[in-house]
Protein backbone atom coordinates (compact mmCIF):
# COMPACT_ATOMS: atom_id res chain seq x y z
CA MET A 1 -12.34 4.96 19.64
CA ALA A 2 -9.10 5.69 20.73
CA VAL A 3 -8.54 7.60 24.65
CA PRO A 4 -7.34 11.01 24.41
CA GLY A 5 -3.89 11.31 25.61
CA ILE A 6 -3.28 7.49 24.71
CA ASP A 7 -1.56 6.63 21.74
CA VAL A 8 -2.72 3.45 19.51
CA PRO A 9 -1.68 1.67 16.26
CA GLY A 10 -3.15 2.99 12.98
CA LEU A 11 -5.13 0.66 10.90
CA GLY A 12 -4.20 1.04 7.38
CA CYS A 13 -4.95 -1.42 4.19
CA GLY A 14 -2.60 -1.93 1.03
CA LEU A 15 -3.10 -3.52 -2.52
CA ALA A 16 -0.07 -5.05 -3.98
CA ILE A 17 -1.29 -4.90 -8.05
CA LEU A 18 0.62 -7.21 -9.96
CA ARG A 19 0.85 -7.73 -13.87
CA GLY A 20 2.41 -10.88 -14.22
CA ARG A 21 5.61 -10.72 -12.13
CA ARG A 22 5.98 -6.88 -12.19
CA LEU A 23 4.30 -4.85 -9.08
CA LEU A 24 3.14 -1.39 -9.11
CA LEU A 25 4.86 0.65 -6.66
CA TYR A 26 4.44 4.59 -6.27
CA HIS A 27 7.13 6.65 -4.81
CA ARG A 28 6.18 8.98 -1.59
CA THR A 29 6.98 12.21 -0.72
CA ARG A 30 5.31 12.38 2.93
CA PRO A 31 5.53 10.35 5.98
CA PRO A 32 5.68 7.90 7.00
CA GLU A 33 8.41 6.64 5.08
CA ALA A 34 9.13 9.57 2.57
CA GLY A 35 11.30 8.80 -0.04
CA HIS A 36 10.41 5.42 -0.29
CA TRP A 37 8.70 3.16 -2.72
CA ASN A 38 5.39 1.64 -1.75
CA ILE A 39 2.12 -0.02 -2.69
CA VAL A 40 -0.85 1.49 -2.87
CA GLY A 41 -2.81 2.05 0.22
CA GLY A 42 -3.92 4.07 3.25
CA LYS A 43 -6.41 4.31 6.49
CA ILE A 44 -9.27 2.41 6.68
CA ASP A 45 -12.45 4.60 7.63
CA HIS A 46 -14.67 3.89 10.28
CA MET A 47 -17.40 1.38 9.42
CA GLU A 48 -15.62 0.50 6.13
CA ARG A 49 -14.39 -2.99 5.52
CA ALA A 50 -10.68 -3.23 4.83
CA VAL A 51 -11.02 -5.11 1.60
CA ASP A 52 -13.40 -2.22 0.04
CA SER A 53 -10.78 0.38 1.92
CA ALA A 54 -8.11 -1.29 -0.27
CA ARG A 55 -10.26 -1.24 -3.46
CA ARG A 56 -10.94 2.46 -2.80
CA GLU A 57 -7.30 3.34 -1.90
CA ALA A 58 -6.29 1.96 -4.86
CA CYS A 59 -8.75 3.52 -7.15
CA GLU A 60 -8.17 7.12 -5.67
CA GLU A 61 -4.17 6.64 -5.79
CA THR A 62 -3.85 4.87 -9.64
CA GLY A 63 -7.20 5.74 -11.68
CA LEU A 64 -7.35 1.66 -12.06
CA SER A 65 -10.74 -0.04 -11.63
CA ILE A 66 -10.02 -2.67 -9.28
CA GLY A 67 -11.90 -6.23 -9.31
CA ALA A 68 -11.38 -9.21 -7.54
CA VAL A 69 -8.31 -9.29 -4.72
CA ASP A 70 -7.24 -11.56 -2.64
CA PHE A 71 -5.70 -11.36 1.14
CA LEU A 72 -2.11 -11.70 1.12
CA CYS A 73 -0.64 -10.60 4.31
CA LEU A 74 -0.37 -8.80 7.79
CA SER A 75 2.24 -6.05 8.20
CA GLU A 76 3.10 -4.15 11.34
CA GLN A 77 4.96 -1.38 11.38
CA ILE A 78 6.67 0.35 14.05
CA LEU A 79 8.38 3.49 13.21
CA ALA A 80 10.11 4.72 16.05
CA GLU A 81 11.83 7.66 14.12
CA GLU A 82 8.52 8.87 13.15
CA ASN A 83 6.41 8.14 15.72
CA GLN A 84 4.45 6.13 13.90
CA HIS A 85 2.86 2.61 14.22
CA TRP A 86 0.52 0.85 11.74
CA LEU A 87 -1.35 -2.46 11.49
CA SER A 88 -2.18 -2.98 7.58
CA LEU A 89 -3.98 -5.74 6.02
CA ILE A 90 -2.54 -6.20 2.47
CA TYR A 91 -4.38 -7.69 -0.32
CA VAL A 92 -3.43 -8.87 -3.94
CA THR A 93 -4.90 -8.46 -7.39
CA GLU A 94 -4.27 -8.78 -11.08
CA ASP A 95 -7.77 -7.92 -11.73
CA ILE A 96 -7.40 -4.63 -13.09
CA SER A 97 -8.81 -2.42 -15.89
CA GLY A 98 -7.14 0.84 -17.11
CA GLU A 99 -3.67 2.27 -17.06
CA PRO A 100 -2.15 3.49 -13.71
CA ARG A 101 -2.02 7.50 -13.66
CA VAL A 102 -0.08 10.19 -11.24
CA MET A 103 -3.58 10.70 -9.45
CA GLU A 104 -1.93 12.38 -6.27
CA PRO A 105 0.90 14.46 -7.62
CA ASP A 106 1.66 16.03 -4.21
CA ARG A 107 1.97 12.67 -2.61
CA LEU A 108 2.79 10.41 -4.96
CA PRO A 109 4.24 11.90 -7.87
CA GLU A 110 5.86 8.97 -9.97
CA PHE A 111 5.18 5.06 -10.28
CA GLY A 112 6.82 1.95 -12.22
CA TRP A 113 6.20 -1.49 -12.71
CA PHE A 114 9.03 -3.32 -11.54
CA ALA A 115 9.82 -6.91 -11.68
CA LEU A 116 9.81 -8.62 -8.21
CA ASP A 117 13.39 -9.61 -8.60
CA ALA A 118 14.26 -6.04 -9.65
CA LEU A 119 12.75 -3.81 -7.35
CA PRO A 120 13.62 0.44 -6.68
CA SER A 121 15.30 1.31 -3.28
CA PRO A 122 14.26 2.44 -0.71
CA LEU A 123 11.41 -0.07 -0.30
CA SER A 124 8.94 0.86 2.13
CA ARG A 125 8.49 -1.75 5.24
CA PHE A 126 4.89 -2.03 4.03
CA ALA A 127 5.69 -2.88 0.36
CA ALA A 128 8.49 -5.05 1.55
CA ASP A 129 6.41 -7.16 3.76
CA ALA A 130 3.94 -7.41 0.58
CA VAL A 131 6.72 -8.74 -1.63
CA ARG A 132 8.12 -11.13 0.97
CA ALA A 133 4.34 -12.80 0.88
CA LEU A 134 4.21 -12.45 -3.07
CA SER A 135 7.50 -14.50 -3.07
CA ALA A 136 6.18 -17.21 -0.62
CA ARG A 137 3.27 -17.76 -3.11
């Protein structure tokens, strides 16, 4: 629990969803990093396992059914200009069913599958960390 008056980092999760060597990215309209392309993810709820949170967020944001996931990396984003500090556990999967859709048009109005060597710009720091980890695999 946060102590009133003391800022602490947020705890988040993300899921890099792959089809072959193509990564699913959504374009953000809200902070943090509004206007950037990002993997799906969000806040981890109290008493929710991070891996379950990554699946839940991915399903809510894409409409996909998510199967097995593996841990990919830890990402720390310090966005001083937005007064945001996040620690995020990032997972990866190719085990999906369905087709992605725009589920939250006010937050994530467009998406695409992008080759890892032809990514859109700007890429969020969160997504950039995932891409670096994917490239190192």
